Amino acid sequence: MSAEHKRMLPVIILDFDGVILESVSVKTEAFRTLFSDVPEHVEEIVQFHRDNGGMSRFDKFRFIYKHILHEELTEKKFMELSDQFAAIVFLAVIHADYVPGAREFLEHYHTRTPLYVVSATPEHELRQIVEARGMSRCFRDVFGAPRKKAECIGEIVRRNGAHPESVIFVGDAKNDYEAAREAGVRFIGRVKPGDGNRFEGLPGIDTIIPDLYGLTQFMEVSP
């Protein structure tokens, strides 16, 4: 039996956009398109979206209307925004490139340790995307909005009867880091080459990786 199979591997929870697929820019352009009718606010809205990766689009819409547009967000308008956003991004995300090393990581590890997805994407939409990309067999389960990430991580810990320190959440946003801290699990940050390190100076991060080849390397040497 190999050393890999003799030792206990951690439960791995992956964010989706920016960790499995290079789809962050798709969501950014969707916000730009969605609010193109308020050009005087669009750059502020896009920057808010960029600064709050890991926050659900639903919470972003509420914040934008209350604090940037200073308008009432009716339930009808909320549903229209949600539907329009989903229509803009769905096909683009389905055709987005994998983060380098992600396909190989999923293929190698999905039979060796429990893998999960926890994302701010609406759960029904996320499940459709995972299914369309042929990834469903790789994950024990998929979690999305409107549930908060820390809540979802906590459920995964309980399902596996795992100690939180034997669970790792891999994310690309500060909100992901904060969710891991709230749930008491370990955290690995993915920073795309060329991007600023948004995790710099934050305590309790196992490592920073440029892609999922880096995660594979970490799994091979980490206890």
Protein backbone atom coordinates (compact mmCIF):
# COMPACT_ATOMS: atom_id res chain seq x y z
CA MET A 1 0.00 0.00 0.00
CA SER A 2 1.38 3.45 -0.90
CA ALA A 3 2.23 6.07 1.69
CA GLU A 4 -0.59 8.20 0.27
CA HIS A 5 -3.15 5.54 1.14
CA LYS A 6 -1.66 4.81 4.57
CA ARG A 7 -2.08 8.34 5.86
CA MET A 8 -5.35 10.14 6.46
CA LEU A 9 -6.09 12.78 3.83
CA PRO A 10 -8.04 15.89 4.81
CA VAL A 11 -11.58 16.59 3.64
CA ILE A 12 -11.20 19.17 0.87
CA ILE A 13 -13.79 21.88 0.24
CA LEU A 14 -13.33 23.96 -2.90
CA ASP A 15 -14.78 27.30 -3.84
CA PHE A 16 -15.87 27.26 -7.48
CA ASP A 17 -15.17 30.50 -9.38
CA GLY A 18 -11.45 31.17 -9.35
CA VAL A 19 -10.58 27.84 -7.73
CA ILE A 20 -12.03 25.21 -10.07
CA LEU A 21 -12.89 27.36 -13.08
CA GLU A 22 -11.35 30.61 -14.31
CA SER A 23 -14.77 32.24 -14.24
CA VAL A 24 -14.25 35.26 -11.98
CA SER A 25 -14.01 37.66 -14.94
CA VAL A 26 -17.31 36.30 -16.29
CA LYS A 27 -19.10 37.44 -13.14
CA THR A 28 -17.32 40.81 -13.20
CA GLU A 29 -18.47 41.53 -16.75
CA ALA A 30 -21.98 40.41 -15.84
CA PHE A 31 -22.17 43.14 -13.18
CA ARG A 32 -20.88 45.67 -15.69
CA THR A 33 -23.54 44.63 -18.19
CA LEU A 34 -26.34 44.44 -15.64
CA PHE A 35 -25.78 47.99 -14.39
CA SER A 36 -24.81 49.60 -17.70
CA ASP A 37 -27.98 51.72 -17.47
CA VAL A 38 -26.41 53.67 -14.57
CA PRO A 39 -23.03 54.54 -16.13
CA GLU A 40 -22.24 57.07 -13.41
CA HIS A 41 -22.21 54.21 -10.86
CA VAL A 42 -21.03 51.25 -12.89
CA GLU A 43 -17.32 51.45 -11.98
CA GLU A 44 -18.13 51.75 -8.28
CA ILE A 45 -20.46 48.75 -8.58
CA VAL A 46 -17.86 46.67 -10.40
CA GLN A 47 -15.22 47.58 -7.83
CA PHE A 48 -17.58 46.61 -5.00
CA HIS A 49 -18.11 43.26 -6.70
CA ARG A 50 -14.34 42.73 -7.06
CA ASP A 51 -13.69 43.69 -3.45
CA ASN A 52 -16.28 41.22 -2.18
CA GLY A 53 -15.50 37.97 -3.92
CA GLY A 54 -17.19 35.14 -2.09
CA MET A 55 -20.32 37.21 -1.32
CA SER A 56 -23.51 36.00 -2.97
CA ARG A 57 -24.91 38.05 -5.84
CA PHE A 58 -28.13 38.41 -3.81
CA ASP A 59 -26.33 40.23 -0.99
CA LYS A 60 -24.43 42.31 -3.54
CA PHE A 61 -27.68 43.44 -5.23
CA ARG A 62 -29.10 44.50 -1.86
CA PHE A 63 -25.96 46.42 -0.94
CA ILE A 64 -25.73 48.11 -4.35
CA TYR A 65 -29.29 49.37 -4.24
CA LYS A 66 -29.10 50.53 -0.63
CA HIS A 67 -25.62 52.05 -0.48
CA ILE A 68 -24.66 52.94 -4.06
CA LEU A 69 -27.87 53.60 -5.99
CA HIS A 70 -29.86 54.67 -2.89
CA GLU A 71 -32.99 53.16 -4.34
CA GLU A 72 -35.55 50.67 -3.10
CA LEU A 73 -34.93 47.16 -4.40
CA THR A 74 -38.38 45.73 -4.93
CA GLU A 75 -38.93 41.99 -4.95
CA LYS A 76 -39.84 42.19 -8.64
CA LYS A 77 -36.62 44.03 -9.51
CA PHE A 78 -34.61 41.66 -7.33
CA MET A 79 -35.97 38.66 -9.24
CA GLU A 80 -35.34 40.37 -12.59
CA LEU A 81 -31.72 41.09 -11.68
CA SER A 82 -31.21 37.52 -10.48
CA ASP A 83 -32.67 36.02 -13.65
CA GLN A 84 -30.74 38.38 -15.95
CA PHE A 85 -27.47 37.69 -14.16
CA ALA A 86 -27.97 33.93 -14.38
CA ALA A 87 -28.76 34.17 -18.09
CA ILE A 88 -25.61 36.21 -18.75
CA VAL A 89 -23.21 33.96 -16.89
CA PHE A 90 -24.54 30.42 -17.27
CA LEU A 91 -23.19 29.53 -20.71
CA ALA A 92 -20.00 31.51 -20.17
CA VAL A 93 -19.21 29.60 -16.97
CA ILE A 94 -19.99 26.26 -18.61
CA HIS A 95 -17.38 27.07 -21.25
CA ALA A 96 -14.82 28.67 -18.92
CA ASP A 97 -11.34 27.18 -18.69
CA TYR A 98 -10.32 25.09 -15.72
CA VAL A 99 -7.93 26.69 -13.28
CA PRO A 100 -4.59 25.06 -14.19
CA GLY A 101 -4.35 21.73 -12.41
CA ALA A 102 -8.01 21.62 -11.37
CA ARG A 103 -9.11 18.86 -13.74
CA GLU A 104 -6.11 16.74 -12.74
CA PHE A 105 -6.69 17.37 -9.04
CA LEU A 106 -10.34 16.30 -9.23
CA GLU A 107 -9.53 13.18 -11.21
CA HIS A 108 -6.73 12.15 -8.86
CA TYR A 109 -8.33 12.89 -5.51
CA HIS A 110 -12.09 12.34 -5.84
CA THR A 111 -11.70 8.61 -5.10
CA ARG A 112 -9.15 9.19 -2.33
CA THR A 113 -10.74 11.77 -0.03
CA PRO A 114 -14.10 13.54 0.28
CA LEU A 115 -14.34 16.55 -2.05
CA TYR A 116 -17.04 19.23 -1.77
CA VAL A 117 -17.92 22.52 -3.41
CA VAL A 118 -19.01 25.53 -1.36
CA SER A 119 -19.74 28.62 -3.45
CA ALA A 120 -21.67 31.89 -3.35
CA THR A 121 -23.34 30.93 -6.64
CA PRO A 122 -27.03 30.01 -6.19
CA GLU A 123 -27.11 26.31 -5.39
CA HIS A 124 -29.59 25.25 -8.09
CA GLU A 125 -27.51 27.05 -10.74
CA LEU A 126 -24.26 25.67 -9.37
CA ARG A 127 -25.57 22.10 -9.51
CA GLN A 128 -26.58 22.61 -13.15
CA ILE A 129 -23.12 23.92 -14.02
CA VAL A 130 -21.34 21.09 -12.21
CA GLU A 131 -23.55 18.57 -14.00
CA ALA A 132 -23.04 20.22 -17.40
CA ARG A 133 -19.26 20.17 -16.90
CA GLY A 134 -19.34 16.46 -16.03
CA MET A 135 -17.96 17.06 -12.55
CA SER A 136 -20.80 15.69 -10.42
CA ARG A 137 -19.06 12.34 -9.84
CA CYS A 138 -16.10 14.15 -8.31
CA PHE A 139 -17.98 15.69 -5.38
CA ARG A 140 -19.78 14.24 -2.38
CA ASP A 141 -22.06 17.29 -2.48
CA VAL A 142 -22.35 20.85 -3.77
CA PHE A 143 -23.44 23.82 -1.64
CA GLY A 144 -24.39 27.33 -2.73
CA ALA A 145 -26.39 30.45 -1.94
CA PRO A 146 -28.51 31.48 -0.19
CA ARG A 147 -26.81 29.52 2.60
CA LYS A 148 -23.72 31.17 4.05
CA LYS A 149 -20.39 29.49 3.40
CA ALA A 150 -19.50 29.03 7.07
CA GLU A 151 -22.83 27.25 7.63
CA CYS A 152 -22.19 24.92 4.68
CA ILE A 153 -18.66 24.16 5.85
CA GLY A 154 -19.99 23.34 9.31
CA GLU A 155 -22.47 20.88 7.81
CA ILE A 156 -19.69 19.14 5.87
CA VAL A 157 -17.63 18.81 9.05
CA ARG A 158 -20.60 17.22 10.83
CA ARG A 159 -21.46 14.89 7.95
CA ASN A 160 -17.96 13.49 7.92
CA GLY A 161 -17.62 13.30 11.69
CA ALA A 162 -14.41 15.19 11.10
CA HIS A 163 -12.32 17.32 13.40
CA PRO A 164 -12.31 20.84 11.90
CA GLU A 165 -8.51 20.74 11.69
CA SER A 166 -8.78 17.78 9.29
CA VAL A 167 -10.85 19.89 6.85
CA ILE A 168 -9.37 22.38 4.37
CA PHE A 169 -11.30 25.07 2.51
CA VAL A 170 -9.63 26.38 -0.65
CA GLY A 171 -10.81 29.84 -1.71
CA ASP A 172 -9.72 32.87 -3.69
CA ALA A 173 -11.41 35.65 -1.72
CA LYS A 174 -11.10 37.20 1.71
CA ASN A 175 -14.72 36.21 2.39
CA ASP A 176 -13.64 32.59 1.85
CA TYR A 177 -10.90 33.01 4.43
CA GLU A 178 -13.37 34.53 6.89
CA ALA A 179 -15.82 31.65 6.35
CA ALA A 180 -13.07 29.12 7.07
CA ARG A 181 -12.09 30.99 10.24
CA GLU A 182 -15.71 31.14 11.39
CA ALA A 183 -16.15 27.40 10.80
CA GLY A 184 -12.81 26.62 12.47
CA VAL A 185 -11.30 24.78 9.50
CA ARG A 186 -7.96 25.21 7.75
CA PHE A 187 -7.61 27.54 4.76
CA ILE A 188 -5.59 27.63 1.57
CA GLY A 189 -5.73 30.76 -0.58
CA ARG A 190 -5.53 30.71 -4.35
CA VAL A 191 -4.02 33.85 -5.88
CA LYS A 192 -4.00 33.91 -9.66
CA PRO A 193 -0.59 34.86 -11.09
CA GLY A 194 -0.54 38.60 -11.72
CA ASP A 195 -3.17 39.39 -9.08
CA GLY A 196 -2.37 41.09 -5.80
CA ASN A 197 -2.19 38.85 -2.74
CA ARG A 198 -5.43 39.70 -0.92
CA PHE A 199 -4.44 37.36 1.93
CA GLU A 200 -1.16 39.07 2.76
CA GLY A 201 -0.68 39.43 6.51
CA LEU A 202 -3.71 37.35 7.47
CA PRO A 203 -3.04 34.74 10.17
CA GLY A 204 -3.77 31.04 10.06
CA ILE A 205 -3.39 30.34 6.33
CA ASP A 206 -1.80 26.99 5.48
CA THR A 207 -0.35 28.20 2.20
CA ILE A 208 -0.95 30.36 -0.88
CA ILE A 209 -1.12 28.59 -4.24
CA PRO A 210 -1.11 29.99 -7.79
CA ASP A 211 -3.23 27.14 -9.18
CA LEU A 212 -4.39 23.63 -8.31
CA TYR A 213 -1.10 22.06 -9.26
CA GLY A 214 -0.01 23.86 -6.11
CA LEU A 215 -2.81 22.16 -4.17
CA THR A 216 -1.70 18.76 -5.44
CA GLN A 217 1.84 19.49 -4.30
CA PHE A 218 0.57 20.58 -0.89
CA MET A 219 -1.47 17.37 -0.52
CA GLU A 220 1.56 15.25 -1.37
CA VAL A 221 3.76 16.71 1.35
CA SER A 222 1.31 17.94 4.00
CA PRO A 223 0.53 15.81 7.06
